[in-house]
Amino acid sequence: MSKITEGNILLKNNKLVQARYDINAMQNKLFQMILFNLQKTEHNNQMICVISIEEIQQIVRHKGCNTPKEIQSILRGLRKATICFKEGSKWHDYGYIDGSVYDENTREFTITAKEKVYELLHSYVTTGFTPVNMELFYSFKSFFTQRLYELLRQWSNTKDIINIPVQELRECFMLEDKYSRYVNFKKRVIIPAIEELNSTKLMYVQFADIKEGKKVVSINFMVTDKDDRNMEIAKQISHDKKIAKQEEIFKKQQSKTKNNKLIQPKTSPDDIAIDVDVLESKPKTKRTYNKTYNKNANYRRSDGSRFIESCPSRERSDEQWKDLEEQLLGWK
């Protein structure tokens, strides 16, 4: 579970950013919290996350909507509502979540993700992502502000002027059949969203209508994004996954027994992080081993300091040396 703290960043797949949403602001806040927790924590790849009712109440503050019964109703709405995203020339329709379970004893919701949404959530590295400041996102009252923030944030670090066709905005907001006149669309959707964005003091937005003849076909957004895009924060998820893998290896080492006696490993989870950024980038190819390999292995801890692991006096076989190294590298 994750607490709402400054610096929480959701690395949101750009396909989800550009998707079409038919939910309200409160539902969208909860959906973002679910995505963040799914990305931040893993439960044996079961596509679930566990969120306490207290955490949800921090973002769903309306007294009539933050009881367990009302939160269950919001989650039920997310299960029935539709998120649409485009791949090539095809539009895909899915529910936001697959289901949820509330435990009265622990006061926690166990939420199961839709397989396709979960797949997109974890493929952000290959498809591109937008860093969403969760604390800032939760502060928005309007659904249109939430959506415009993501669309602009996607490009605010690389473009001085962000041009978005009016029809694309209508599709992202699912307003194709509402505010048909552009003057009403601008008055009811664009201007209020920009005013709320500017009130944060972290993002300043100006805009200009782009016309073809007399018709406004797109909008130029001039954005000053002062929000921290520090990629050290963005790397927190991959770092946490490495730590989890190291702890898993450590537990496996602890569980090995010899003559019914527990054998405690000489290394700790911190020690197992042996130049992990460098080692994980190397291809997992076959290597040759000999009996003198690693007899006095000089490894690096994660803080850069070194430690020496003296090997037992007896000789290890080639297979044993291979097994030991692969465990330390995290390949097993």
Protein backbone atom coordinates (compact mmCIF):
# COMPACT_ATOMS: atom_id res chain seq x y z
CA MET A 1 0.00 0.00 0.00
CA SER A 2 1.08 3.53 -0.65
CA LYS A 3 0.53 6.72 1.31
CA ILE A 4 -0.22 9.99 -0.43
CA THR A 5 3.00 11.94 -0.06
CA GLU A 6 4.78 14.65 -1.97
CA GLY A 7 6.84 13.19 -4.80
CA ASN A 8 4.53 10.27 -5.66
CA ILE A 9 4.74 9.89 -9.43
CA LEU A 10 2.62 7.67 -11.65
CA LEU A 11 4.44 6.69 -14.85
CA LYS A 12 1.33 6.56 -16.98
CA ASN A 13 1.44 4.83 -20.34
CA ASN A 14 0.77 7.38 -23.08
CA LYS A 15 -1.91 5.12 -24.53
CA LEU A 16 -3.83 5.51 -21.27
CA VAL A 17 -3.19 9.26 -21.30
CA GLN A 18 -4.67 9.55 -24.81
CA ALA A 19 -7.59 7.26 -24.02
CA ARG A 20 -11.25 8.26 -23.85
CA TYR A 21 -12.78 8.35 -20.35
CA ASP A 22 -16.48 8.36 -19.47
CA ILE A 23 -16.13 8.80 -15.69
CA ASN A 24 -16.35 11.74 -13.30
CA ALA A 25 -13.54 13.48 -11.38
CA MET A 26 -14.00 11.43 -8.21
CA GLN A 27 -13.93 8.13 -10.08
CA ASN A 28 -10.87 9.28 -12.02
CA LYS A 29 -9.00 10.11 -8.79
CA LEU A 30 -9.67 6.62 -7.48
CA PHE A 31 -8.67 5.06 -10.80
CA GLN A 32 -5.37 6.96 -10.69
CA MET A 33 -4.77 5.72 -7.13
CA ILE A 34 -5.42 2.14 -8.30
CA LEU A 35 -2.98 2.53 -11.22
CA PHE A 36 -0.31 3.97 -8.92
CA ASN A 37 -0.66 1.12 -6.42
CA LEU A 38 -0.68 -1.51 -9.17
CA GLN A 39 2.51 -0.05 -10.61
CA LYS A 40 4.17 0.48 -7.24
CA THR A 41 3.47 -2.97 -5.77
CA GLU A 42 3.17 -6.47 -7.21
CA HIS A 43 1.37 -9.46 -5.71
CA ASN A 44 2.89 -12.39 -7.59
CA ASN A 45 1.63 -10.92 -10.89
CA GLN A 46 -1.99 -11.44 -9.81
CA MET A 47 -3.00 -7.98 -11.06
CA ILE A 48 -4.27 -6.86 -7.66
CA CYS A 49 -3.60 -4.03 -5.25
CA VAL A 50 -4.70 -3.47 -1.67
CA ILE A 51 -5.79 0.01 -0.56
CA SER A 52 -7.05 0.97 2.89
CA ILE A 53 -10.27 2.91 3.32
CA GLU A 54 -8.27 5.65 5.08
CA GLU A 55 -6.15 6.17 1.95
CA ILE A 56 -9.23 6.43 -0.25
CA GLN A 57 -10.85 8.87 2.15
CA GLN A 58 -7.90 11.22 1.67
CA ILE A 59 -8.91 11.78 -1.96
CA VAL A 60 -12.68 11.16 -1.66
CA ARG A 61 -13.35 13.77 1.00
CA HIS A 62 -17.05 14.36 0.47
CA LYS A 63 -18.75 12.96 3.58
CA GLY A 64 -21.57 11.42 1.60
CA CYS A 65 -19.15 9.49 -0.64
CA ASN A 66 -16.38 8.11 1.61
CA THR A 67 -18.15 5.39 3.58
CA PRO A 68 -17.31 1.77 2.71
CA LYS A 69 -20.70 1.39 1.02
CA GLU A 70 -20.27 4.52 -1.08
CA ILE A 71 -16.68 3.63 -2.05
CA GLN A 72 -17.90 0.20 -3.13
CA SER A 73 -20.46 2.00 -5.29
CA ILE A 74 -17.70 4.10 -6.92
CA LEU A 75 -15.65 0.95 -7.59
CA ARG A 76 -18.73 -0.74 -9.05
CA GLY A 77 -19.08 2.22 -11.39
CA LEU A 78 -15.44 1.81 -12.50
CA ARG A 79 -16.11 -1.85 -13.25
CA LYS A 80 -19.12 -1.01 -15.42
CA ALA A 81 -17.76 2.15 -17.10
CA THR A 82 -15.71 2.06 -20.30
CA ILE A 83 -12.20 3.25 -21.08
CA CYS A 84 -11.47 3.44 -24.82
CA PHE A 85 -7.99 3.62 -26.28
CA LYS A 86 -6.69 3.50 -29.80
CA GLU A 87 -4.16 1.07 -31.30
CA GLY A 88 -3.57 1.75 -34.96
CA SER A 89 -6.98 2.21 -36.58
CA LYS A 90 -8.83 0.22 -33.88
CA TRP A 91 -10.59 1.51 -30.77
CA HIS A 92 -10.57 -0.87 -27.81
CA ASP A 93 -13.23 -0.77 -25.06
CA TYR A 94 -12.53 -2.18 -21.58
CA GLY A 95 -13.75 -1.73 -18.04
CA TYR A 96 -11.46 0.19 -15.70
CA ILE A 97 -11.22 -2.64 -13.14
CA ASP A 98 -12.28 -6.27 -13.02
CA GLY A 99 -13.70 -6.23 -9.49
CA SER A 100 -13.12 -5.46 -5.82
CA VAL A 101 -13.48 -7.03 -2.37
CA TYR A 102 -13.89 -5.12 0.91
CA ASP A 103 -12.61 -6.70 4.15
CA GLU A 104 -14.50 -5.32 7.17
CA ASN A 105 -11.85 -6.57 9.60
CA THR A 106 -8.83 -4.91 7.96
CA ARG A 107 -10.86 -2.06 6.41
CA GLU A 108 -9.09 -2.66 3.11
CA PHE A 109 -10.18 -2.98 -0.51
CA THR A 110 -8.53 -5.65 -2.67
CA ILE A 111 -8.93 -4.45 -6.26
CA THR A 112 -8.35 -6.59 -9.35
CA ALA A 113 -7.24 -4.85 -12.55
CA LYS A 114 -8.42 -5.49 -16.06
CA GLU A 115 -5.78 -7.56 -17.85
CA LYS A 116 -5.40 -5.11 -20.75
CA VAL A 117 -5.14 -2.07 -18.46
CA TYR A 118 -2.56 -3.91 -16.33
CA GLU A 119 -0.58 -4.85 -19.44
CA LEU A 120 -0.49 -1.23 -20.63
CA LEU A 121 0.39 0.03 -17.17
CA HIS A 122 3.55 -2.09 -17.05
CA SER A 123 4.65 -1.54 -20.66
CA TYR A 124 5.18 2.19 -20.23
CA VAL A 125 8.92 1.94 -20.91
CA THR A 126 8.45 0.66 -24.48
CA THR A 127 5.44 2.80 -25.43
CA GLY A 128 6.37 6.04 -23.66
CA PHE A 129 4.95 7.51 -20.49
CA THR A 130 3.80 10.73 -18.84
CA PRO A 131 4.92 11.45 -15.25
CA VAL A 132 1.76 12.34 -13.33
CA ASN A 133 2.19 14.16 -10.02
CA MET A 134 -0.35 12.33 -7.85
CA GLU A 135 -0.63 15.02 -5.18
CA LEU A 136 -1.33 17.67 -7.81
CA PHE A 137 -3.75 15.42 -9.70
CA TYR A 138 -5.77 14.73 -6.54
CA SER A 139 -6.17 18.49 -5.99
CA PHE A 140 -8.10 19.03 -9.24
CA LYS A 141 -11.87 19.39 -8.80
CA SER A 142 -12.77 19.19 -12.49
CA PHE A 143 -12.52 16.06 -14.62
CA PHE A 144 -11.60 18.23 -17.61
CA THR A 145 -8.70 19.75 -15.66
CA GLN A 146 -7.44 16.26 -14.82
CA ARG A 147 -7.53 15.22 -18.46
CA LEU A 148 -6.04 18.43 -19.85
CA TYR A 149 -3.23 18.27 -17.27
CA GLU A 150 -2.21 14.80 -18.51
CA LEU A 151 -2.44 15.73 -22.19
CA LEU A 152 -0.27 18.84 -21.70
CA ARG A 153 2.11 17.15 -19.27
CA GLN A 154 2.82 14.56 -21.94
CA TRP A 155 4.61 17.21 -24.05
CA SER A 156 5.37 20.09 -21.66
CA ASN A 157 8.99 19.06 -21.23
CA THR A 158 9.76 18.85 -24.96
CA LYS A 159 7.54 21.41 -26.74
CA ASP A 160 7.11 25.16 -26.25
CA ILE A 161 3.81 25.08 -28.13
CA ILE A 162 1.52 22.05 -27.89
CA ASN A 163 -1.03 21.85 -30.69
CA ILE A 164 -4.07 19.63 -30.11
CA PRO A 165 -6.92 19.30 -32.65
CA VAL A 166 -10.33 20.25 -31.24
CA GLN A 167 -11.77 16.92 -32.38
CA GLU A 168 -9.06 15.04 -30.47
CA LEU A 169 -9.87 16.98 -27.31
CA ARG A 170 -13.56 16.18 -27.75
CA GLU A 171 -12.72 12.49 -28.10
CA CYS A 172 -10.46 12.44 -25.03
CA PHE A 173 -13.18 14.19 -22.99
CA MET A 174 -15.91 12.06 -24.64
CA LEU A 175 -17.79 15.22 -25.62
CA GLU A 176 -18.35 14.48 -29.31
CA ASP A 177 -22.12 15.00 -28.89
CA LYS A 178 -21.99 17.89 -26.41
CA TYR A 179 -21.04 21.57 -26.80
CA SER A 180 -21.20 21.25 -30.57
CA ARG A 181 -20.48 24.96 -30.99
CA TYR A 182 -16.80 25.67 -30.29
CA VAL A 183 -17.59 28.86 -28.39
CA ASN A 184 -19.53 26.79 -25.83
CA PHE A 185 -16.83 24.08 -25.70
CA LYS A 186 -14.22 26.75 -24.98
CA LYS A 187 -16.36 28.50 -22.36
CA ARG A 188 -17.52 25.36 -20.51
CA VAL A 189 -14.47 23.11 -20.81
CA ILE A 190 -11.20 24.73 -21.96
CA ILE A 191 -11.19 28.04 -20.06
CA PRO A 192 -12.28 26.62 -16.64
CA ALA A 193 -9.68 23.81 -16.95
CA ILE A 194 -6.89 26.27 -17.78
CA GLU A 195 -7.90 28.55 -14.91
CA GLU A 196 -7.69 25.66 -12.45
CA LEU A 197 -4.31 24.58 -13.85
CA ASN A 198 -2.94 28.11 -13.53
CA SER A 199 -4.19 28.36 -9.93
CA THR A 200 -1.74 25.59 -8.92
CA LYS A 201 1.25 27.90 -9.59
CA LEU A 202 3.06 24.80 -10.92
CA MET A 203 1.73 25.00 -14.45
CA TYR A 204 0.95 28.19 -16.38
CA VAL A 205 -1.05 27.79 -19.59
CA GLN A 206 -2.03 30.21 -22.34
CA PHE A 207 -3.85 29.21 -25.50
CA ALA A 208 -4.70 30.45 -28.99
CA ASP A 209 -7.36 29.27 -31.43
CA ILE A 210 -6.09 27.98 -34.79
CA LYS A 211 -8.56 28.47 -37.62
CA GLU A 212 -9.09 27.14 -41.12
CA GLY A 213 -11.28 29.74 -42.68
CA LYS A 214 -13.82 30.65 -40.00
CA LYS A 215 -13.69 27.30 -38.21
CA VAL A 216 -11.45 26.64 -35.17
CA VAL A 217 -9.76 23.31 -35.91
CA SER A 218 -7.09 23.14 -33.19
CA ILE A 219 -5.70 24.90 -30.15
CA ASN A 220 -2.13 25.98 -29.49
CA PHE A 221 -1.26 25.63 -25.79
CA MET A 222 1.76 27.56 -24.51
CA VAL A 223 2.78 25.81 -21.31
CA THR A 224 5.25 26.70 -18.57
CA ASP A 225 5.62 23.55 -16.46
CA LYS A 226 7.32 24.26 -13.14
CA ASP A 227 6.49 20.90 -11.63
CA ASP A 228 9.51 18.72 -10.84
CA ARG A 229 10.16 16.17 -13.57
CA ASN A 230 13.19 14.71 -11.75
CA MET A 231 13.73 11.30 -13.28
CA GLU A 232 15.23 10.06 -10.00
CA ILE A 233 11.66 10.12 -8.72
CA ALA A 234 10.46 8.45 -11.90
CA LYS A 235 12.98 5.63 -11.36
CA GLN A 236 11.54 4.76 -7.95
CA ILE A 237 9.37 1.94 -9.28
CA SER A 238 12.14 0.04 -11.08
CA HIS A 239 14.36 0.54 -8.02
CA ASP A 240 11.70 -0.92 -5.71
CA LYS A 241 11.32 -3.94 -8.01
CA LYS A 242 15.09 -4.57 -7.83
CA ILE A 243 14.99 -4.43 -4.03
CA ALA A 244 12.08 -6.88 -3.97
CA LYS A 245 14.04 -9.27 -6.21
CA GLN A 246 17.09 -9.01 -3.96
CA GLU A 247 15.01 -9.78 -0.87
CA GLU A 248 13.49 -12.78 -2.66
CA ILE A 249 16.97 -14.17 -3.39
CA PHE A 250 18.00 -13.55 0.21
CA LYS A 251 14.98 -15.49 1.53
CA LYS A 252 15.73 -18.40 -0.82
CA GLN A 253 19.28 -18.53 0.48
CA GLN A 254 18.01 -18.56 4.06
CA SER A 255 15.64 -21.43 3.33
CA LYS A 256 18.39 -23.77 2.06
CA THR A 257 19.17 -26.50 4.56
CA LYS A 258 21.92 -29.04 5.02
CA ASN A 259 21.47 -32.02 7.35
CA ASN A 260 18.21 -30.41 8.60
CA LYS A 261 20.14 -27.33 9.80
CA LEU A 262 19.42 -23.84 8.55
CA ILE A 263 22.32 -22.38 6.58
CA GLN A 264 22.47 -18.60 6.99
CA PRO A 265 23.90 -16.84 3.93
CA LYS A 266 26.87 -14.56 4.38
CA THR A 267 25.31 -11.92 2.15
CA SER A 268 22.45 -9.55 2.97
CA PRO A 269 19.88 -8.07 0.55
CA ASP A 270 22.09 -4.98 0.41
CA ASP A 271 25.11 -7.08 -0.51
CA ILE A 272 23.22 -8.82 -3.30
CA ALA A 273 22.83 -5.47 -5.08
CA ILE A 274 26.20 -6.03 -6.73
CA ASP A 275 26.56 -3.35 -9.37
CA VAL A 276 22.96 -4.25 -10.17
CA ASP A 277 22.46 -1.50 -12.76
CA VAL A 278 25.51 -2.69 -14.72
CA LEU A 279 24.97 -6.40 -14.28
CA GLU A 280 21.30 -6.38 -15.30
CA SER A 281 22.16 -4.63 -18.54
CA LYS A 282 24.49 -7.43 -19.63
CA PRO A 283 23.06 -10.19 -21.86
CA LYS A 284 22.43 -13.49 -20.11
CA THR A 285 24.76 -15.58 -22.27
CA LYS A 286 26.50 -18.81 -21.41
CA ARG A 287 29.85 -18.43 -19.73
CA THR A 288 32.76 -20.70 -18.90
CA TYR A 289 33.63 -21.48 -15.32
CA ASN A 290 36.61 -23.02 -13.52
CA LYS A 291 37.28 -24.10 -9.96
CA THR A 292 39.37 -21.07 -9.09
CA TYR A 293 36.66 -18.61 -10.20
CA ASN A 294 35.39 -16.34 -7.40
CA LYS A 295 37.45 -17.95 -4.63
CA ASN A 296 37.93 -14.49 -3.13
CA ALA A 297 35.18 -12.60 -4.94
CA ASN A 298 35.43 -8.83 -4.67
CA TYR A 299 31.91 -7.43 -5.06
CA ARG A 300 30.38 -3.99 -4.65
CA ARG A 301 27.55 -3.19 -2.26
CA SER A 302 24.80 -0.86 -3.52
CA ASP A 303 26.53 2.09 -1.80
CA GLY A 304 29.74 1.50 -3.80
CA SER A 305 31.79 0.01 -0.95
CA ARG A 306 33.35 -3.43 -1.31
CA PHE A 307 33.12 -6.64 0.63
CA ILE A 308 35.01 -9.91 0.38
CA GLU A 309 33.30 -13.24 0.43
CA SER A 310 35.80 -15.93 1.33
CA CYS A 311 34.84 -19.26 -0.11
CA PRO A 312 34.74 -22.51 1.89
CA SER A 313 37.94 -24.49 1.96
CA ARG A 314 36.49 -27.30 -0.10
CA GLU A 315 36.39 -26.94 -3.87
CA ARG A 316 33.05 -26.20 -5.59
CA SER A 317 32.06 -27.82 -8.85
CA ASP A 318 31.61 -25.80 -12.02
CA GLU A 319 27.85 -26.13 -11.69
CA GLN A 320 27.92 -24.87 -8.10
CA TRP A 321 29.94 -21.80 -9.11
CA LYS A 322 27.50 -21.12 -11.93
CA ASP A 323 24.50 -21.47 -9.60
CA LEU A 324 26.06 -19.10 -7.05
CA GLU A 325 26.81 -16.40 -9.59
CA GLU A 326 23.39 -16.55 -11.20
CA GLN A 327 21.75 -16.14 -7.79
CA LEU A 328 23.91 -13.10 -7.02
CA LEU A 329 23.12 -11.59 -10.42
CA GLY A 330 19.40 -12.10 -9.84
CA TRP A 331 18.98 -14.48 -12.74
CA LYS A 332 17.38 -17.08 -10.52
